[in-house]
């Protein structure tokens, strides 16, 4: 996600490409959410493989170590698949074991953190979608609140502008963009609550998750600045790489899964 008001105005063709690719990615995500099961796992797993490859590039891994990290990630992704154990505590343990293995065997050690950075959000998304009653609406809420935050931040930053949010990390982001993103995501959460019965605890948590999404955006901007790169990759024209598109979702998905799965259990276990 991005808030880029300070950049030179894009030509109409560039804006058209960016809009077309963005809509195409949203359509793919929505189709995967609706179809669920194998299709959702395949799409999420494919994105995870691209993300770990881009992470390896950002932390300066060699081609050999990059391949090693990618091959290692196949193990927890397979464990999460419908043909194996599926998303759950065992899969979380495998992600942790994969992170320790990668950090011990490959260089730099930050590759191990990449396994967590990619593997935990993937597991969280699969857990959310697997919810028997409301998996569809919960998964839509998780992804779309990040999209709404992105859109709100872009337009508020573009048309309002004002003081910079974190000029040393991402000089084009503004406080107006931060507020605009949170506002649009919050409004979207309430629409889901009124029209589709999104749980009140999730609706009330939406603005905090929107703030978290923008924090994820800033973290990835810091990674790119540290690596001396403008984008994490060039897979999506006008958008950069998979990490560029999913940076806000990385911290949001695990928290959303906690709210969806763990919080209701606390109600049950309460004496």
Protein backbone atom coordinates (compact mmCIF):
# COMPACT_ATOMS: atom_id res chain seq x y z
CA UNK A 1 0.00 0.00 0.00
CA UNK A 2 1.21 3.49 -0.65
CA UNK A 3 0.53 7.18 -0.17
CA UNK A 4 2.59 8.99 -2.80
CA UNK A 5 1.38 12.57 -3.25
CA UNK A 6 4.80 14.11 -3.67
CA UNK A 7 5.83 12.18 -6.75
CA UNK A 8 5.52 13.78 -10.21
CA UNK A 9 2.13 13.30 -11.80
CA UNK A 10 1.93 10.02 -13.67
CA UNK A 11 1.03 10.00 -17.34
CA UNK A 12 -2.50 8.76 -18.16
CA UNK A 13 -1.08 5.51 -19.56
CA UNK A 14 0.83 4.84 -16.31
CA UNK A 15 -2.25 5.56 -14.21
CA UNK A 16 -4.32 3.29 -16.44
CA UNK A 17 -1.81 0.45 -16.09
CA UNK A 18 -1.65 0.92 -12.32
CA UNK A 19 -5.45 0.95 -12.02
CA UNK A 20 -5.87 -2.08 -14.28
CA UNK A 21 -3.28 -4.13 -12.41
CA UNK A 22 -4.75 -3.10 -9.05
CA UNK A 23 -8.26 -4.09 -10.09
CA UNK A 24 -6.98 -7.35 -11.51
CA UNK A 25 -5.25 -8.22 -8.25
CA UNK A 26 -8.38 -7.39 -6.28
CA UNK A 27 -10.47 -9.56 -8.61
CA UNK A 28 -8.04 -12.46 -8.17
CA UNK A 29 -8.13 -12.09 -4.40
CA UNK A 30 -11.93 -11.91 -4.31
CA UNK A 31 -12.27 -14.98 -6.53
CA UNK A 32 -9.87 -16.90 -4.30
CA UNK A 33 -11.78 -15.84 -1.18
CA UNK A 34 -15.13 -16.89 -2.64
CA UNK A 35 -13.87 -20.24 -3.96
CA UNK A 36 -11.85 -20.95 -0.81
CA UNK A 37 -10.29 -24.34 -0.03
CA UNK A 38 -7.65 -25.41 -2.60
CA UNK A 39 -7.93 -22.26 -4.72
CA UNK A 40 -7.40 -19.93 -1.79
CA UNK A 41 -4.45 -21.98 -0.57
CA UNK A 42 -2.86 -22.03 -4.03
CA UNK A 43 -3.12 -18.25 -4.46
CA UNK A 44 -1.85 -17.52 -0.96
CA UNK A 45 0.99 -20.04 -1.26
CA UNK A 46 2.07 -18.60 -4.61
CA UNK A 47 2.20 -15.10 -3.15
CA UNK A 48 4.19 -16.43 -0.19
CA UNK A 49 6.85 -17.88 -2.48
CA UNK A 50 7.19 -14.58 -4.30
CA UNK A 51 7.33 -12.67 -1.02
CA UNK A 52 10.15 -14.77 0.45
CA UNK A 53 12.12 -14.36 -2.79
CA UNK A 54 11.73 -10.59 -2.59
CA UNK A 55 12.62 -10.60 1.11
CA UNK A 56 15.81 -12.48 0.27
CA UNK A 57 16.70 -9.81 -2.28
CA UNK A 58 16.02 -7.00 0.20
CA UNK A 59 18.28 -8.51 2.87
CA UNK A 60 21.08 -9.22 0.39
CA UNK A 61 20.96 -13.03 0.22
CA UNK A 62 22.90 -14.86 -2.47
CA UNK A 63 21.05 -16.77 -5.19
CA UNK A 64 21.92 -20.05 -3.44
CA UNK A 65 20.60 -18.95 -0.04
CA UNK A 66 17.54 -17.42 -1.67
CA UNK A 67 16.70 -20.78 -3.26
CA UNK A 68 17.32 -22.51 0.05
CA UNK A 69 14.85 -20.24 1.84
CA UNK A 70 12.26 -20.72 -0.89
CA UNK A 71 12.58 -24.50 -0.78
CA UNK A 72 12.33 -24.48 3.01
CA UNK A 73 9.14 -22.42 2.89
CA UNK A 74 7.56 -25.14 0.75
CA UNK A 75 7.46 -27.38 3.85
CA UNK A 76 5.19 -25.22 6.07
CA UNK A 77 3.08 -24.24 3.06
CA UNK A 78 2.53 -27.92 2.28
CA UNK A 79 1.62 -28.61 5.91
CA UNK A 80 -0.99 -25.85 5.68
CA UNK A 81 -2.57 -27.30 2.52
CA UNK A 82 -5.95 -29.06 2.48
CA UNK A 83 -4.17 -32.31 1.61
CA UNK A 84 -2.10 -32.24 4.83
CA UNK A 85 -2.78 -30.97 8.37
CA UNK A 86 -4.18 -27.64 7.23
CA UNK A 87 -3.77 -24.33 9.08
CA UNK A 88 -3.41 -24.79 12.82
CA UNK A 89 -1.02 -24.95 15.75
CA UNK A 90 1.07 -27.68 14.18
CA UNK A 91 1.57 -25.56 11.07
CA UNK A 92 2.60 -22.62 13.27
CA UNK A 93 5.23 -24.83 14.89
CA UNK A 94 6.53 -25.87 11.48
CA UNK A 95 6.83 -22.21 10.48
CA UNK A 96 8.89 -21.56 13.62
CA UNK A 97 11.08 -24.60 12.96
CA UNK A 98 11.61 -23.49 9.35
CA UNK A 99 12.66 -20.04 10.57
CA UNK A 100 15.23 -21.51 12.97
CA UNK A 101 16.57 -23.83 10.27
CA UNK A 102 16.93 -21.06 7.68
CA UNK A 103 18.61 -18.72 10.18
CA UNK A 104 21.08 -21.46 11.14
CA UNK A 105 21.90 -22.73 7.65
CA UNK A 106 21.63 -19.75 5.31
CA UNK A 107 22.90 -16.18 5.28
CA UNK A 108 22.10 -13.52 6.22
CA UNK A 109 20.34 -14.53 9.42
CA UNK A 110 17.52 -12.14 8.50
CA UNK A 111 16.32 -14.83 6.08
CA UNK A 112 14.99 -16.64 9.15
CA UNK A 113 12.94 -13.58 10.08
CA UNK A 114 11.60 -13.61 6.55
CA UNK A 115 10.12 -17.05 7.16
CA UNK A 116 8.14 -15.58 10.06
CA UNK A 117 7.31 -12.40 8.14
CA UNK A 118 5.81 -14.45 5.32
CA UNK A 119 4.71 -17.69 6.96
CA UNK A 120 2.69 -16.33 9.89
CA UNK A 121 0.45 -14.01 7.81
CA UNK A 122 -0.17 -16.84 5.31
CA UNK A 123 -1.19 -19.17 8.14
CA UNK A 124 -3.41 -16.45 9.60
CA UNK A 125 -5.24 -15.88 6.31
CA UNK A 126 -5.87 -19.59 5.89
CA UNK A 127 -7.15 -19.89 9.46
CA UNK A 128 -9.53 -16.98 8.92
CA UNK A 129 -10.91 -18.39 5.67
CA UNK A 130 -11.36 -21.83 7.24
CA UNK A 131 -13.90 -20.47 9.76
CA UNK A 132 -16.97 -22.60 9.11
CA UNK A 133 -19.65 -19.97 9.62
CA UNK A 134 -18.14 -16.65 8.63
CA UNK A 135 -14.88 -17.47 6.85
CA UNK A 136 -15.92 -15.68 3.68
CA UNK A 137 -16.90 -12.39 5.34
CA UNK A 138 -13.95 -12.51 7.77
CA UNK A 139 -11.44 -13.05 4.96
CA UNK A 140 -13.05 -10.28 2.92
CA UNK A 141 -12.87 -7.93 5.91
CA UNK A 142 -9.20 -8.72 6.53
CA UNK A 143 -8.07 -8.07 2.97
CA UNK A 144 -10.47 -5.27 2.07
CA UNK A 145 -9.76 -3.13 5.13
CA UNK A 146 -6.15 -2.98 3.93
CA UNK A 147 -7.33 -2.05 0.42
CA UNK A 148 -9.59 0.67 1.82
CA UNK A 149 -6.74 1.97 3.94
CA UNK A 150 -4.54 2.10 0.85
CA UNK A 151 -7.15 3.94 -1.20
CA UNK A 152 -8.03 6.39 1.56
CA UNK A 153 -4.36 7.13 2.24
CA UNK A 154 -3.64 7.71 -1.45
CA UNK A 155 -6.45 10.16 -2.10
CA UNK A 156 -6.17 12.01 1.21
CA UNK A 157 -2.44 12.39 0.70
CA UNK A 158 -2.89 13.47 -2.90
CA UNK A 159 -5.64 16.04 -2.43
CA UNK A 160 -5.00 17.23 1.13
CA UNK A 161 -1.27 16.73 1.58
CA UNK A 162 0.25 18.58 4.49
CA UNK A 163 2.91 17.54 7.03
CA UNK A 164 4.94 14.43 6.32
CA UNK A 165 4.34 11.32 8.40
CA UNK A 166 7.83 9.81 8.44
CA UNK A 167 10.08 11.75 6.06
CA UNK A 168 13.23 9.82 6.97
CA UNK A 169 11.58 6.50 6.07
CA UNK A 170 9.02 7.33 3.40
CA UNK A 171 9.12 11.02 2.43
CA UNK A 172 5.90 10.94 0.42
CA UNK A 173 3.56 9.77 3.18
CA UNK A 174 1.54 12.38 5.06
CA UNK A 175 -0.50 12.61 8.23
CA UNK A 176 -3.53 13.35 6.06
CA UNK A 177 -2.96 10.06 4.27
CA UNK A 178 -2.74 8.22 7.58
CA UNK A 179 -6.03 9.71 8.79
CA UNK A 180 -7.73 9.26 5.43
CA UNK A 181 -6.76 5.60 5.28
CA UNK A 182 -8.02 4.90 8.79
CA UNK A 183 -11.27 6.77 8.11
CA UNK A 184 -12.12 4.88 4.91
CA UNK A 185 -11.22 1.50 6.41
CA UNK A 186 -13.36 2.26 9.48
CA UNK A 187 -16.33 3.26 7.32
CA UNK A 188 -15.93 0.03 5.35
CA UNK A 189 -15.92 -1.98 8.58
CA UNK A 190 -19.20 -0.44 9.67
CA UNK A 191 -20.77 -1.16 6.26
CA UNK A 192 -19.84 -4.82 6.66
CA UNK A 193 -21.29 -4.77 10.17
CA UNK A 194 -24.62 -3.25 9.14
CA UNK A 195 -25.07 -5.10 5.86
CA UNK A 196 -23.39 -8.46 6.43
CA UNK A 197 -23.27 -8.91 10.20
CA UNK A 198 -19.55 -8.48 10.76
CA UNK A 199 -18.95 -9.08 14.47
CA UNK A 200 -18.91 -5.90 16.53
CA UNK A 201 -15.50 -6.68 18.05
CA UNK A 202 -14.04 -6.82 14.53
CA UNK A 203 -15.83 -3.65 13.47
CA UNK A 204 -14.48 -1.76 16.47
CA UNK A 205 -10.99 -3.14 15.84
CA UNK A 206 -10.95 -1.98 12.20
CA UNK A 207 -9.39 1.48 12.78
CA UNK A 208 -6.62 -0.06 14.89
CA UNK A 209 -5.91 -2.64 12.20
CA UNK A 210 -5.86 0.15 9.61
CA UNK A 211 -3.22 1.92 11.70
CA UNK A 212 -1.31 -1.35 11.90
CA UNK A 213 -1.53 -1.72 8.12
CA UNK A 214 0.11 1.65 7.63
CA UNK A 215 2.78 0.64 10.13
CA UNK A 216 3.47 -2.42 7.97
CA UNK A 217 3.78 -0.13 4.98
CA UNK A 218 6.34 2.01 6.79
CA UNK A 219 8.32 -1.04 7.87
CA UNK A 220 8.60 -2.27 4.30
CA UNK A 221 9.57 1.25 3.19
CA UNK A 222 12.36 1.12 5.78
CA UNK A 223 13.52 -2.24 4.43
CA UNK A 224 13.64 -0.88 0.89
CA UNK A 225 15.47 2.27 1.95
CA UNK A 226 17.98 0.15 3.86
CA UNK A 227 18.50 -1.99 0.75
CA UNK A 228 18.70 1.05 -1.52
CA UNK A 229 15.73 -0.03 -3.62
CA UNK A 230 12.60 1.76 -4.80
CA UNK A 231 10.42 -1.37 -4.96
CA UNK A 232 10.68 -4.88 -3.59
CA UNK A 233 10.24 -6.28 -7.10
CA UNK A 234 8.80 -5.61 -10.54
CA UNK A 235 6.16 -8.33 -10.77
CA UNK A 236 3.17 -5.99 -10.90
CA UNK A 237 3.49 -3.04 -13.32
CA UNK A 238 2.86 0.24 -11.54
CA UNK A 239 2.82 -1.45 -8.13
CA UNK A 240 6.23 -3.06 -7.67
CA UNK A 241 6.50 -6.48 -6.09
CA UNK A 242 4.39 -8.71 -3.90
CA UNK A 243 5.81 -7.22 -0.70
CA UNK A 244 4.88 -3.75 -1.98
CA UNK A 245 1.29 -4.83 -2.42
CA UNK A 246 0.97 -6.93 0.73
CA UNK A 247 3.07 -4.99 3.25
CA UNK A 248 0.01 -3.73 5.10
CA UNK A 249 -1.56 -7.18 5.22
CA UNK A 250 1.50 -8.77 6.87
CA UNK A 251 0.85 -7.33 10.37
CA UNK A 252 -2.94 -7.17 9.97
CA UNK A 253 -3.59 -10.84 9.16
CA UNK A 254 -2.16 -12.34 12.41
CA UNK A 255 -4.03 -9.82 14.58
CA UNK A 256 -7.22 -10.41 12.62
CA UNK A 257 -6.83 -14.17 13.10
CA UNK A 258 -6.38 -13.64 16.84
CA UNK A 259 -9.60 -11.62 16.96
CA UNK A 260 -11.48 -14.12 14.82
CA UNK A 261 -10.29 -17.37 16.44
CA UNK A 262 -8.71 -16.80 19.85
CA UNK A 263 -10.93 -14.09 21.37
CA UNK A 264 -14.15 -16.17 21.08
CA UNK A 265 -12.34 -19.05 22.83
CA UNK A 266 -11.53 -16.73 25.71
CA UNK A 267 -15.26 -16.14 26.14
CA UNK A 268 -15.85 -19.89 26.30
CA UNK A 269 -13.03 -20.56 28.77
CA UNK A 270 -13.93 -17.71 31.08
CA UNK A 271 -15.09 -19.05 34.49
